[in-house]
N, C-alpha and C. Protein backbone atom coordinates (compact mmCIF):
# COMPACT_ATOMS: atom_id res chain seq x y z
N MET A 1 93.36 126.19 138.44
CA MET A 1 92.32 125.47 137.87
C MET A 1 93.08 125.67 136.44
N ILE A 2 92.66 125.55 135.37
CA ILE A 2 92.84 125.42 133.54
C ILE A 2 91.51 125.51 133.08
N GLU A 3 90.74 126.59 132.82
CA GLU A 3 89.53 126.54 132.15
C GLU A 3 90.13 125.66 130.88
N ASP A 4 88.72 125.02 130.59
CA ASP A 4 88.52 124.59 128.76
C ASP A 4 88.56 126.05 128.24
N ALA A 5 89.37 126.57 127.45
CA ALA A 5 89.15 127.32 126.28
C ALA A 5 88.25 126.98 124.55
N GLU A 6 87.64 128.17 124.35
CA GLU A 6 86.30 127.84 122.98
C GLU A 6 88.01 127.82 122.24
N ILE A 7 87.93 126.86 121.25
CA ILE A 7 88.54 126.70 120.02
C ILE A 7 88.21 127.46 118.99
N GLU A 8 88.89 128.34 118.60
CA GLU A 8 88.66 129.80 117.81
C GLU A 8 89.12 128.19 116.20
N PRO A 9 88.08 128.97 115.52
CA PRO A 9 88.72 128.77 114.41
C PRO A 9 89.90 129.49 113.65
N GLY A 10 90.53 128.25 112.78
CA GLY A 10 91.82 129.26 112.22
C GLY A 10 91.76 129.68 111.04
N PRO A 11 92.93 130.36 110.44
CA PRO A 11 92.88 131.42 109.49
C PRO A 11 92.10 130.30 107.82
N PRO A 12 92.03 130.67 107.07
CA PRO A 12 91.14 129.95 105.80
C PRO A 12 92.47 128.97 105.27
N GLU A 13 93.68 129.81 105.47
CA GLU A 13 95.06 128.61 105.22
C GLU A 13 94.55 127.58 105.80
N ASP A 14 94.40 127.02 106.97
CA ASP A 14 94.68 125.93 107.48
C ASP A 14 93.54 125.00 106.70
N GLY A 15 92.53 125.11 106.23
CA GLY A 15 91.92 124.18 105.70
C GLY A 15 92.40 123.46 104.02
N VAL A 16 93.47 124.46 103.49
CA VAL A 16 94.00 124.58 102.62
C VAL A 16 95.32 123.05 103.16
N THR A 17 95.70 123.39 104.20
CA THR A 17 97.17 122.58 104.68
C THR A 17 96.56 121.45 104.98
N LEU A 18 95.40 121.14 105.43
CA LEU A 18 94.45 119.70 105.93
C LEU A 18 94.15 119.05 104.20
N LEU A 19 93.93 120.09 103.05
CA LEU A 19 93.62 119.26 102.00
C LEU A 19 94.72 119.17 101.14
N TYR A 20 96.07 119.22 101.58
CA TYR A 20 96.93 119.26 101.05
C TYR A 20 97.91 117.75 101.36
N ASP A 21 98.05 117.36 103.02
CA ASP A 21 98.01 116.00 103.94
C ASP A 21 97.10 115.42 103.26
N TYR A 22 95.90 115.39 103.01
CA TYR A 22 95.05 114.53 102.97
C TYR A 22 94.88 114.28 101.38
N PHE A 23 95.65 114.53 100.53
CA PHE A 23 95.69 114.11 99.34
C PHE A 23 97.40 113.48 98.99
N LYS A 24 98.32 114.16 100.42
CA LYS A 24 99.19 113.24 100.23
C LYS A 24 99.22 111.76 100.92
N HIS A 25 98.29 111.35 101.47
CA HIS A 25 98.59 110.43 102.21
C HIS A 25 97.25 109.51 101.44
N LEU A 26 96.79 109.79 100.93
CA LEU A 26 95.43 109.09 100.16
C LEU A 26 96.64 108.72 98.66
N THR A 27 97.55 109.48 98.49
CA THR A 27 98.54 109.41 97.02
C THR A 27 99.05 108.05 97.83
N SER A 28 99.94 108.51 98.87
CA SER A 28 100.53 106.93 99.96
C SER A 28 99.40 106.00 99.82
N LEU A 29 98.42 105.94 100.06
CA LEU A 29 97.34 104.96 99.94
C LEU A 29 97.01 103.77 98.87
N CYS A 30 97.18 104.48 97.74
CA CYS A 30 97.15 104.60 96.13
C CYS A 30 98.07 103.44 95.79
N LEU A 31 99.34 104.28 96.45
CA LEU A 31 100.61 103.47 95.97
C LEU A 31 101.10 102.17 96.97
N PHE A 32 100.41 102.29 97.50
CA PHE A 32 100.85 100.94 98.34
C PHE A 32 99.64 100.10 97.93
N SER A 33 98.66 100.21 98.17
CA SER A 33 97.56 99.74 97.55
C SER A 33 98.13 99.00 95.85
N LEU A 34 98.39 99.56 94.90
CA LEU A 34 98.91 99.33 93.98
C LEU A 34 100.10 97.95 94.17
N GLY A 35 101.25 97.94 94.87
CA GLY A 35 101.59 97.34 95.55
C GLY A 35 101.01 96.17 95.97
N GLY A 36 100.10 96.04 96.52
CA GLY A 36 99.52 95.03 96.68
C GLY A 36 99.04 94.16 95.68
N VAL A 37 97.98 95.37 95.12
CA VAL A 37 97.37 94.63 93.64
C VAL A 37 98.83 93.54 93.06
N LEU A 38 99.71 94.51 92.75
CA LEU A 38 101.17 93.66 92.02
C LEU A 38 101.43 92.58 92.84
N ALA A 39 102.21 91.80 94.11
CA ALA A 39 101.93 91.43 94.67
C ALA A 39 101.16 90.16 94.48
N LEU A 40 99.78 90.15 93.87
CA LEU A 40 99.08 89.21 93.76
C LEU A 40 98.28 88.90 92.08
N ALA A 41 99.55 89.35 91.47
CA ALA A 41 99.61 89.81 90.44
C ALA A 41 99.93 87.63 89.55
N ALA A 42 100.56 87.21 90.44
CA ALA A 42 101.59 85.83 89.86
C ALA A 42 99.99 84.92 90.38
N GLN A 43 98.96 84.98 91.36
CA GLN A 43 98.69 84.08 91.36
C GLN A 43 97.37 83.76 90.99
N VAL A 44 96.74 85.16 89.83
CA VAL A 44 95.67 85.35 89.58
C VAL A 44 95.79 84.72 88.26
N LYS A 45 94.30 84.06 87.87
CA LYS A 45 95.01 83.06 86.21
C LYS A 45 92.81 83.39 86.11
N GLY A 46 93.00 83.22 84.50
CA GLY A 46 92.17 83.32 84.23
C GLY A 46 90.90 84.11 83.85
N ARG A 47 89.87 84.47 84.63
CA ARG A 47 89.03 85.45 84.00
C ARG A 47 89.23 86.57 85.41
N GLY A 48 90.10 85.93 85.93
CA GLY A 48 91.08 87.16 87.39
C GLY A 48 91.62 87.74 86.57
N ILE A 49 92.72 87.97 85.42
CA ILE A 49 93.60 88.54 85.02
C ILE A 49 92.64 90.10 84.77
N THR A 50 91.22 89.77 83.84
CA THR A 50 90.43 90.76 83.76
C THR A 50 90.31 92.10 84.75
N LEU A 51 90.13 91.02 85.87
CA LEU A 51 89.81 91.90 87.36
C LEU A 51 91.07 92.93 87.84
N LEU A 52 91.69 92.04 87.71
CA LEU A 52 93.48 92.13 87.64
C LEU A 52 93.37 93.85 87.68
N ILE A 53 93.37 93.87 85.96
CA ILE A 53 93.84 94.80 85.44
C ILE A 53 93.33 96.19 85.42
N THR A 54 91.76 95.78 86.11
CA THR A 54 90.79 97.04 86.29
C THR A 54 91.24 97.28 87.57
N ALA A 55 91.73 96.72 89.00
CA ALA A 55 92.02 97.34 89.88
C ALA A 55 93.05 98.01 89.69
N LEU A 56 93.91 97.50 89.16
CA LEU A 56 95.13 98.29 88.89
C LEU A 56 94.92 100.15 88.05
N LEU A 57 94.04 99.58 87.22
CA LEU A 57 94.03 101.16 86.14
C LEU A 57 92.71 101.44 87.23
N VAL A 58 92.55 101.51 88.31
CA VAL A 58 91.12 102.01 89.38
C VAL A 58 92.19 102.44 90.26
N ILE A 59 92.72 101.80 90.55
CA ILE A 59 93.55 102.56 91.75
C ILE A 59 94.71 103.44 91.44
N GLY A 60 94.80 103.44 89.89
CA GLY A 60 96.25 103.78 89.46
C GLY A 60 95.59 105.59 89.45
N PHE A 61 94.09 105.20 88.56
CA PHE A 61 93.84 106.40 88.30
C PHE A 61 93.05 107.40 89.77
N ALA A 62 92.66 106.36 91.06
CA ALA A 62 92.88 107.91 91.84
C ALA A 62 94.11 108.00 92.60
N ALA A 63 95.43 107.25 92.31
CA ALA A 63 96.35 107.72 92.39
C ALA A 63 96.76 109.13 92.01
N LEU A 64 96.22 109.50 90.09
CA LEU A 64 96.87 110.21 89.37
C LEU A 64 95.59 111.64 90.00
N LEU A 65 95.06 111.05 90.29
CA LEU A 65 93.76 111.81 91.48
C LEU A 65 94.52 112.56 92.48
N SER A 66 94.57 112.01 93.50
CA SER A 66 94.53 112.55 94.10
C SER A 66 96.47 113.31 94.45
N PHE A 67 97.37 112.81 93.53
CA PHE A 67 98.47 113.77 93.25
C PHE A 67 98.36 114.90 92.30
N SER A 68 97.17 115.07 91.09
CA SER A 68 97.19 116.21 90.85
C SER A 68 96.52 117.02 92.09
N GLY A 69 95.98 116.82 92.90
CA GLY A 69 95.02 117.52 93.97
C GLY A 69 95.78 118.41 94.33
N ALA A 70 97.35 117.11 95.11
CA ALA A 70 98.08 118.05 95.57
C ALA A 70 99.19 118.92 95.24
N GLY A 71 99.31 118.78 93.87
CA GLY A 71 100.48 119.42 92.51
C GLY A 71 99.50 121.05 92.43
N GLU A 72 98.01 120.63 92.47
CA GLU A 72 97.32 121.74 92.22
C GLU A 72 97.44 122.94 93.37
N ILE A 73 97.15 122.12 94.48
CA ILE A 73 97.70 123.00 95.55
C ILE A 73 98.78 123.86 95.56
N VAL A 74 99.70 123.32 95.65
CA VAL A 74 101.30 123.81 95.49
C VAL A 74 101.15 124.31 94.73
N GLY A 75 100.56 124.69 93.23
CA GLY A 75 100.63 125.36 91.93
C GLY A 75 100.11 126.61 92.57
N ALA A 76 98.81 126.43 93.23
CA ALA A 76 98.30 127.86 94.02
C ALA A 76 98.67 128.57 94.48
N ARG A 77 99.23 128.22 95.56
CA ARG A 77 100.05 128.55 96.57
C ARG A 77 101.15 128.88 95.83
N TYR A 78 102.42 128.74 94.57
CA TYR A 78 103.39 129.21 94.39
C TYR A 78 103.11 130.19 93.71
N LYS A 79 101.86 130.54 93.12
CA LYS A 79 101.14 131.66 92.49
C LYS A 79 100.30 133.01 93.03
N GLY A 80 100.34 132.30 94.26
CA GLY A 80 99.01 133.22 94.91
C GLY A 80 98.27 133.23 94.50
N LYS A 81 97.36 132.65 93.83
CA LYS A 81 96.21 132.56 92.99
C LYS A 81 95.13 131.65 94.12
N PRO A 82 93.63 131.89 93.94
CA PRO A 82 92.79 130.67 93.96
C PRO A 82 92.75 129.07 94.14
N LEU A 83 92.28 128.39 94.64
CA LEU A 83 91.69 127.10 93.89
C LEU A 83 91.11 127.20 92.83
N THR A 84 91.40 126.12 92.20
CA THR A 84 90.22 125.52 90.72
C THR A 84 89.03 125.36 91.74
N GLY A 85 88.43 124.81 90.79
CA GLY A 85 87.17 123.95 91.04
C GLY A 85 87.14 122.55 90.63
N HIS A 86 88.65 121.86 90.40
CA HIS A 86 88.67 120.62 89.61
C HIS A 86 89.14 120.28 91.77
N ILE A 87 89.64 120.81 92.06
CA ILE A 87 90.30 120.26 93.82
C ILE A 87 89.07 119.76 94.50
N ASN A 88 88.38 119.79 94.48
CA ASN A 88 86.66 119.62 94.96
C ASN A 88 85.88 117.87 94.32
N MET A 89 86.34 118.01 93.03
CA MET A 89 86.28 116.79 91.85
C MET A 89 87.49 116.05 92.70
N TYR A 90 88.58 115.91 92.42
CA TYR A 90 89.58 115.25 92.98
C TYR A 90 89.31 114.84 94.60
N ARG A 91 89.07 115.65 94.93
CA ARG A 91 88.30 115.73 96.62
C ARG A 91 87.58 114.61 96.78
N THR A 92 86.96 114.26 96.03
CA THR A 92 85.57 113.28 96.07
C THR A 92 85.92 112.17 94.82
N ALA A 93 86.35 112.46 93.91
CA ALA A 93 86.78 110.78 93.49
C ALA A 93 87.94 110.13 93.48
N SER A 94 88.58 110.95 94.31
CA SER A 94 90.09 109.98 94.74
C SER A 94 89.72 108.73 95.73
N PRO A 95 88.86 109.70 96.98
CA PRO A 95 89.26 108.26 97.39
C PRO A 95 87.31 107.00 97.60
N ILE A 96 86.73 107.82 96.26
CA ILE A 96 85.90 106.92 95.64
C ILE A 96 86.38 105.70 94.94
N LEU A 97 87.32 106.10 93.89
CA LEU A 97 87.94 105.41 92.93
C LEU A 97 88.58 104.35 93.56
N LEU A 98 89.66 104.62 94.65
CA LEU A 98 90.07 103.70 95.95
C LEU A 98 89.40 102.82 96.15
N SER A 99 88.55 102.87 97.36
CA SER A 99 87.48 102.44 97.52
C SER A 99 87.59 100.92 96.13
N MET A 100 86.74 101.62 95.31
CA MET A 100 86.10 100.33 93.89
C MET A 100 87.59 99.66 93.81
N GLY A 101 88.43 100.30 93.61
CA GLY A 101 89.93 99.73 93.31
C GLY A 101 89.72 98.41 94.41
N LEU A 102 89.95 98.93 95.79
CA LEU A 102 90.61 98.18 96.55
C LEU A 102 89.36 96.84 97.45
N GLY A 103 87.87 97.17 96.39
CA GLY A 103 86.99 96.16 96.53
C GLY A 103 87.34 95.07 95.46
N VAL A 104 87.56 95.54 94.07
CA VAL A 104 88.00 94.31 93.63
C VAL A 104 89.14 93.69 94.07
N PHE A 105 90.21 94.34 94.67
CA PHE A 105 91.75 93.54 94.84
C PHE A 105 90.93 92.36 95.95
N VAL A 106 89.83 93.12 96.87
CA VAL A 106 89.36 92.11 98.03
C VAL A 106 89.24 90.42 97.65
N TYR A 107 88.24 91.24 96.35
CA TYR A 107 87.27 89.75 95.85
C TYR A 107 88.39 88.83 95.19
N LEU A 108 89.75 89.48 94.61
CA LEU A 108 90.59 88.54 93.83
C LEU A 108 91.69 88.04 95.23
N PHE A 109 91.95 88.66 96.17
CA PHE A 109 92.46 88.21 97.16
C PHE A 109 91.58 87.16 98.32
N MET A 110 90.46 86.90 97.81
CA MET A 110 89.68 86.14 98.29
C MET A 110 89.66 84.62 97.38
N GLY A 111 89.36 85.08 96.29
CA GLY A 111 89.41 83.98 95.12
C GLY A 111 90.90 83.16 95.22
N THR A 112 92.11 83.32 96.01
CA THR A 112 92.77 83.42 95.80
C THR A 112 93.23 82.20 96.81
N LEU A 113 92.27 82.31 98.00
CA LEU A 113 92.83 81.38 98.98
C LEU A 113 91.79 80.51 98.90
N LYS A 114 93.19 79.40 99.45
CA LYS A 114 92.41 78.01 99.35
C LYS A 114 92.36 77.31 100.56
N LEU A 115 90.44 77.60 100.76
CA LEU A 115 90.31 77.35 102.13
C LEU A 115 89.49 75.52 102.05
């Protein structure tokens, strides 16, 4: 009979690896979201153009922050130095901006539906 063993915490580098994967997937989500917003661009008219540009900018900035976070992790690992305080800002700001941009996108999408 196999007993459940306690899970011991891994080395501190595991958190950095997890954070790198988080940034990598967040960057992918941002890029797919930008593609969705651009696919909707032809159907938006009037005031929606401003909202469309806003969504593109906010999601693009989220992508930039998440990509920068992943790059900072790679740079710190390559140089053998600790991560800077900016990584926490990237970790919190990027998903917030992505959520805001997707909110604008959903609002625009709902406006284009002809019910």
